[in-house]
């Protein structure tokens, strides 16, 4: 599966907008809407859910100014003065925000053709598609299926695939055991090791491929999809809806039971013996 890291701006504060600023610009200046993206950082991504602290960034890809000015014809030189004059006129509120960071933007490495553009990147389109997202560092499995086209900060990664089966496997106890034995511990927080989920480690994770022509495999696959749907719904309820104490306890029990069913299914998928299972379950988390 293709794995991508989040947007690298080289100066996040220059491109960040408050929720109020973003909504104001998107409402009053529709032509600037395409340049404002909802962004998640690694800290926002949890197991089967995301926190509501969504950020908004100005995302102007490398070469966008030239291509938009020339309406697709990028031939011929365009001076920075000419480009900025055009940008300031067409997207005045974005230009006003960015202008205050001009000197710092000019000295960063992660810039495009002009100082208000971001570094060259050929996979922005994947952010806008359904994908599995996860933080760059975690103490336990924190994989989430994003169907809303969030962009990611450079503290998060994504897999360019919307596979609920894969999501369930990655969030299982067995796969985290594998990750924690492949990745290198990155300090301790709250008594637990954190692990880096960068490409060089993630590419080594053994994913059990489903043979859809095999009756047993097909049954496992369908069961996993149903369990992941349930886990996602329960976590969404728990983290987005105020609940009475009795309902809160019920939902938490249901989440624990669903997680256990997913773990049991993954143990079966990988033909884990009872002795091997004891080793996995004796580890943290």
Protein backbone atom coordinates (compact mmCIF):
# COMPACT_ATOMS: atom_id res chain seq x y z
CA UNK A 1 0.00 0.00 0.00
CA UNK A 2 1.19 3.53 -0.73
CA UNK A 3 2.14 5.47 2.40
CA UNK A 4 2.40 9.27 2.52
CA UNK A 5 3.50 11.73 5.16
CA UNK A 6 1.63 14.91 6.01
CA UNK A 7 2.10 18.39 4.57
CA UNK A 8 5.45 20.01 5.34
CA UNK A 9 5.13 23.80 5.37
CA UNK A 10 8.42 24.68 7.04
CA UNK A 11 6.50 27.28 9.06
CA UNK A 12 3.10 26.01 10.22
CA UNK A 13 2.11 29.22 12.00
CA UNK A 14 2.26 31.15 8.74
CA UNK A 15 -0.28 28.92 7.05
CA UNK A 16 -2.62 28.26 9.97
CA UNK A 17 -6.00 29.97 10.17
CA UNK A 18 -8.31 30.04 13.15
CA UNK A 19 -11.66 28.35 12.64
CA UNK A 20 -13.28 31.79 12.60
CA UNK A 21 -10.86 33.13 9.98
CA UNK A 22 -11.29 30.06 7.79
CA UNK A 23 -15.09 30.13 7.93
CA UNK A 24 -15.15 33.87 7.23
CA UNK A 25 -12.94 33.59 4.16
CA UNK A 26 -14.74 30.50 2.86
CA UNK A 27 -18.10 32.25 3.21
CA UNK A 28 -17.23 35.73 1.92
CA UNK A 29 -14.63 34.75 -0.67
CA UNK A 30 -15.71 31.50 -2.37
CA UNK A 31 -12.84 31.71 -4.87
CA UNK A 32 -10.37 31.18 -2.01
CA UNK A 33 -12.19 28.14 -0.66
CA UNK A 34 -10.10 25.64 -2.61
CA UNK A 35 -6.94 26.93 -0.92
CA UNK A 36 -8.18 26.35 2.64
CA UNK A 37 -7.97 22.77 3.91
CA UNK A 38 -9.15 21.09 7.10
CA UNK A 39 -6.07 19.53 8.68
CA UNK A 40 -5.48 16.83 11.29
CA UNK A 41 -2.27 16.35 13.25
CA UNK A 42 -1.06 13.07 14.72
CA UNK A 43 -2.40 14.12 18.12
CA UNK A 44 -5.92 14.29 16.66
CA UNK A 45 -5.99 10.71 15.38
CA UNK A 46 -7.24 7.98 17.70
CA UNK A 47 -8.30 4.37 17.41
CA UNK A 48 -11.43 4.41 15.20
CA UNK A 49 -12.13 8.11 15.84
CA UNK A 50 -10.64 11.58 15.58
CA UNK A 51 -10.71 14.43 18.08
CA UNK A 52 -12.84 17.45 17.13
CA UNK A 53 -9.89 19.88 17.21
CA UNK A 54 -9.66 20.29 13.45
CA UNK A 55 -7.29 22.97 12.17
CA UNK A 56 -7.42 24.95 8.94
CA UNK A 57 -4.40 25.66 6.78
CA UNK A 58 -3.74 27.68 3.66
CA UNK A 59 -2.47 25.13 1.15
CA UNK A 60 -1.05 26.62 -2.05
CA UNK A 61 0.79 23.93 -4.02
CA UNK A 62 4.06 24.56 -5.81
CA UNK A 63 3.39 26.07 -9.25
CA UNK A 64 -0.28 26.83 -8.48
CA UNK A 65 0.14 30.61 -8.88
CA UNK A 66 1.75 30.36 -12.29
CA UNK A 67 -0.66 27.72 -13.59
CA UNK A 68 -3.74 29.58 -12.36
CA UNK A 69 -2.55 32.93 -13.72
CA UNK A 70 -1.86 31.36 -17.09
CA UNK A 71 -4.99 29.18 -16.95
CA UNK A 72 -3.03 25.98 -17.42
CA UNK A 73 -0.37 27.42 -19.72
CA UNK A 74 2.76 27.52 -17.57
CA UNK A 75 5.14 28.57 -20.33
CA UNK A 76 7.01 31.85 -20.14
CA UNK A 77 8.50 33.64 -17.13
CA UNK A 78 6.41 35.37 -14.47
CA UNK A 79 8.10 37.71 -12.04
CA UNK A 80 7.45 37.42 -8.33
CA UNK A 81 6.12 40.99 -8.29
CA UNK A 82 3.65 40.19 -11.05
CA UNK A 83 2.59 36.95 -9.35
CA UNK A 84 2.11 38.59 -5.94
CA UNK A 85 0.12 41.45 -7.44
CA UNK A 86 -2.22 38.95 -9.07
CA UNK A 87 -2.49 36.78 -5.93
CA UNK A 88 -3.12 39.80 -3.69
CA UNK A 89 -5.95 40.92 -5.93
CA UNK A 90 -7.58 37.51 -6.40
CA UNK A 91 -7.12 36.27 -2.83
CA UNK A 92 -6.73 39.45 -0.81
CA UNK A 93 -7.57 38.01 2.62
CA UNK A 94 -5.15 35.10 2.21
CA UNK A 95 -2.44 37.48 0.98
CA UNK A 96 -3.04 39.78 3.93
CA UNK A 97 -2.60 36.88 6.33
CA UNK A 98 0.54 35.55 4.64
CA UNK A 99 2.23 38.93 4.17
CA UNK A 100 3.00 39.24 7.88
CA UNK A 101 5.15 36.07 7.65
CA UNK A 102 6.91 36.93 4.39
CA UNK A 103 10.45 37.27 5.72
CA UNK A 104 10.25 33.94 7.60
CA UNK A 105 8.62 32.19 4.66
CA UNK A 106 11.45 33.27 2.38
CA UNK A 107 14.07 31.57 4.55
CA UNK A 108 12.35 28.18 4.91
CA UNK A 109 13.37 25.13 2.88
CA UNK A 110 9.85 23.84 2.29
CA UNK A 111 8.67 26.41 -0.24
CA UNK A 112 7.54 26.33 -3.82
CA UNK A 113 8.22 28.56 -6.81
CA UNK A 114 7.09 31.57 -4.79
CA UNK A 115 7.47 32.15 -1.05
CA UNK A 116 3.70 31.77 -0.40
CA UNK A 117 3.60 28.33 -2.04
CA UNK A 118 4.40 24.98 -0.42
CA UNK A 119 7.14 22.56 -1.41
CA UNK A 120 6.64 20.33 -4.49
CA UNK A 121 4.32 17.42 -3.70
CA UNK A 122 2.64 15.06 -6.15
CA UNK A 123 0.24 13.29 -3.79
CA UNK A 124 -2.10 15.99 -2.45
CA UNK A 125 -4.92 14.22 -4.28
CA UNK A 126 -4.60 11.25 -1.90
CA UNK A 127 -5.48 13.45 1.05
CA UNK A 128 -8.85 14.18 -0.52
CA UNK A 129 -9.65 10.49 -1.06
CA UNK A 130 -10.78 7.90 1.53
CA UNK A 131 -7.69 6.66 3.37
CA UNK A 132 -6.34 5.14 6.57
CA UNK A 133 -4.57 7.73 8.73
CA UNK A 134 -2.37 7.40 11.81
CA UNK A 135 0.08 9.45 13.94
CA UNK A 136 3.83 9.41 13.50
CA UNK A 137 4.37 8.35 17.13
CA UNK A 138 2.02 6.30 19.34
CA UNK A 139 1.84 4.17 22.48
CA UNK A 140 -0.81 1.89 20.98
CA UNK A 141 -2.81 1.34 17.79
CA UNK A 142 -4.37 4.60 16.56
CA UNK A 143 -5.57 3.94 13.03
CA UNK A 144 -8.64 5.66 11.59
CA UNK A 145 -10.51 5.48 8.29
CA UNK A 146 -10.89 9.04 6.99
CA UNK A 147 -13.79 9.42 4.57
CA UNK A 148 -13.91 13.23 4.78
CA UNK A 149 -10.79 14.19 2.85
CA UNK A 150 -8.75 15.72 5.65
CA UNK A 151 -5.25 16.95 4.91
CA UNK A 152 -2.56 15.88 7.36
CA UNK A 153 0.11 17.82 9.23
CA UNK A 154 3.65 16.44 9.24
CA UNK A 155 2.96 14.59 12.50
CA UNK A 156 0.72 12.10 10.70
CA UNK A 157 0.79 9.59 7.86
CA UNK A 158 -1.74 7.94 5.61
CA UNK A 159 -2.14 4.79 3.58
CA UNK A 160 -3.76 5.53 0.24
CA UNK A 161 -6.44 2.87 0.67
CA UNK A 162 -9.88 2.73 2.32
CA UNK A 163 -9.79 -0.88 3.50
CA UNK A 164 -11.85 -1.66 6.62
CA UNK A 165 -10.32 -5.12 6.83
CA UNK A 166 -6.84 -3.60 6.95
CA UNK A 167 -8.02 -1.04 9.51
CA UNK A 168 -9.22 -3.79 11.84
CA UNK A 169 -5.99 -5.75 11.48
CA UNK A 170 -3.84 -2.67 12.16
CA UNK A 171 -5.86 -1.79 15.26
CA UNK A 172 -5.56 -5.30 16.67
CA UNK A 173 -3.42 -6.38 19.60
CA UNK A 174 -1.42 -8.82 17.49
CA UNK A 175 -0.38 -6.24 14.92
CA UNK A 176 0.60 -3.73 17.60
CA UNK A 177 2.74 -6.47 19.15
CA UNK A 178 4.41 -6.84 15.74
CA UNK A 179 4.85 -3.07 15.37
CA UNK A 180 6.37 -2.76 18.83
CA UNK A 181 8.91 -5.43 17.95
CA UNK A 182 9.76 -3.91 14.56
CA UNK A 183 9.87 -0.21 15.43
CA UNK A 184 12.33 1.36 17.87
CA UNK A 185 11.02 2.72 21.21
CA UNK A 186 10.87 6.51 21.22
CA UNK A 187 10.84 7.48 24.88
CA UNK A 188 8.33 6.67 27.61
CA UNK A 189 5.10 8.57 28.31
CA UNK A 190 2.69 7.68 31.12
CA UNK A 191 4.67 4.54 31.80
CA UNK A 192 4.51 3.20 28.25
CA UNK A 193 6.95 3.16 25.37
CA UNK A 194 6.06 5.18 22.30
CA UNK A 195 6.92 3.88 18.85
CA UNK A 196 7.62 5.66 15.59
CA UNK A 197 5.35 4.58 12.74
CA UNK A 198 7.55 5.72 9.88
CA UNK A 199 7.74 3.95 6.53
CA UNK A 200 10.94 2.00 7.20
CA UNK A 201 9.14 0.16 10.04
CA UNK A 202 5.59 0.04 8.70
CA UNK A 203 6.66 -1.61 5.43
CA UNK A 204 7.88 -4.63 7.44
CA UNK A 205 4.54 -5.31 9.13
CA UNK A 206 3.16 -8.71 8.04
CA UNK A 207 -0.36 -8.18 6.67
CA UNK A 208 -2.46 -11.29 6.20
CA UNK A 209 -3.76 -11.12 2.62
CA UNK A 210 -7.31 -12.38 2.12
CA UNK A 211 -8.04 -14.91 -0.60
CA UNK A 212 -11.61 -14.03 -1.55
CA UNK A 213 -11.99 -17.31 -3.44
CA UNK A 214 -11.43 -19.18 -0.19
CA UNK A 215 -14.65 -19.70 1.81
CA UNK A 216 -12.90 -19.47 5.18
CA UNK A 217 -11.04 -16.31 4.22
CA UNK A 218 -14.18 -14.70 2.81
CA UNK A 219 -16.02 -15.41 6.06
CA UNK A 220 -13.18 -13.88 8.09
CA UNK A 221 -13.20 -10.82 5.84
CA UNK A 222 -16.94 -10.23 6.14
CA UNK A 223 -16.79 -10.71 9.90
CA UNK A 224 -13.97 -8.17 10.17
CA UNK A 225 -15.88 -5.56 8.16
CA UNK A 226 -18.91 -5.95 10.44
CA UNK A 227 -16.76 -5.66 13.57
CA UNK A 228 -14.90 -2.59 12.31
CA UNK A 229 -18.20 -0.90 11.43
CA UNK A 230 -19.42 -1.61 14.96
CA UNK A 231 -16.19 -0.38 16.55
CA UNK A 232 -16.31 2.83 14.49
CA UNK A 233 -19.95 3.50 15.38
CA UNK A 234 -19.38 2.87 19.09
CA UNK A 235 -16.30 5.08 19.25
CA UNK A 236 -18.12 7.83 17.39
CA UNK A 237 -20.95 7.63 19.92
CA UNK A 238 -18.56 7.65 22.86
CA UNK A 239 -16.52 10.62 21.67
CA UNK A 240 -19.08 12.89 20.04
CA UNK A 241 -22.24 12.51 22.12
CA UNK A 242 -22.83 13.49 25.78
CA UNK A 243 -23.94 10.30 27.52
CA UNK A 244 -25.59 9.47 30.82
CA UNK A 245 -23.35 7.45 33.14
CA UNK A 246 -25.20 4.17 32.57
CA UNK A 247 -25.09 4.62 28.78
CA UNK A 248 -21.44 5.65 28.95
CA UNK A 249 -20.56 2.45 30.79
CA UNK A 250 -22.60 0.37 28.34
CA UNK A 251 -20.83 1.86 25.32
CA UNK A 252 -17.39 1.35 26.90
CA UNK A 253 -18.23 -2.30 27.60
CA UNK A 254 -19.42 -2.73 24.04
CA UNK A 255 -16.19 -1.20 22.69
CA UNK A 256 -14.07 -3.51 24.85
CA UNK A 257 -16.09 -6.53 23.71
CA UNK A 258 -15.78 -5.53 20.04
CA UNK A 259 -12.03 -4.96 20.37
CA UNK A 260 -11.76 -8.42 21.92
CA UNK A 261 -13.69 -9.98 19.04
CA UNK A 262 -11.39 -8.29 16.53
CA UNK A 263 -8.34 -9.50 18.43
CA UNK A 264 -9.70 -13.06 18.50
CA UNK A 265 -10.42 -12.94 14.78
CA UNK A 266 -6.91 -11.69 13.98
CA UNK A 267 -5.37 -14.45 16.11
CA UNK A 268 -7.31 -16.95 14.01
CA UNK A 269 -6.36 -15.24 10.75
CA UNK A 270 -2.67 -15.58 11.61
CA UNK A 271 -3.04 -19.11 13.01
CA UNK A 272 -1.59 -18.03 16.36
CA UNK A 273 -1.16 -20.84 18.86
CA UNK A 274 -2.31 -20.60 22.47
CA UNK A 275 1.27 -20.29 23.65
CA UNK A 276 1.99 -17.50 21.15
CA UNK A 277 -1.21 -15.76 22.18
CA UNK A 278 -0.14 -15.80 25.83
CA UNK A 279 3.08 -14.02 24.85
CA UNK A 280 1.19 -11.35 22.89
CA UNK A 281 -1.40 -10.80 25.60
CA UNK A 282 1.30 -10.59 28.24
CA UNK A 283 2.79 -7.57 26.45
CA UNK A 284 1.61 -3.97 26.62
CA UNK A 285 -0.71 -2.33 25.78
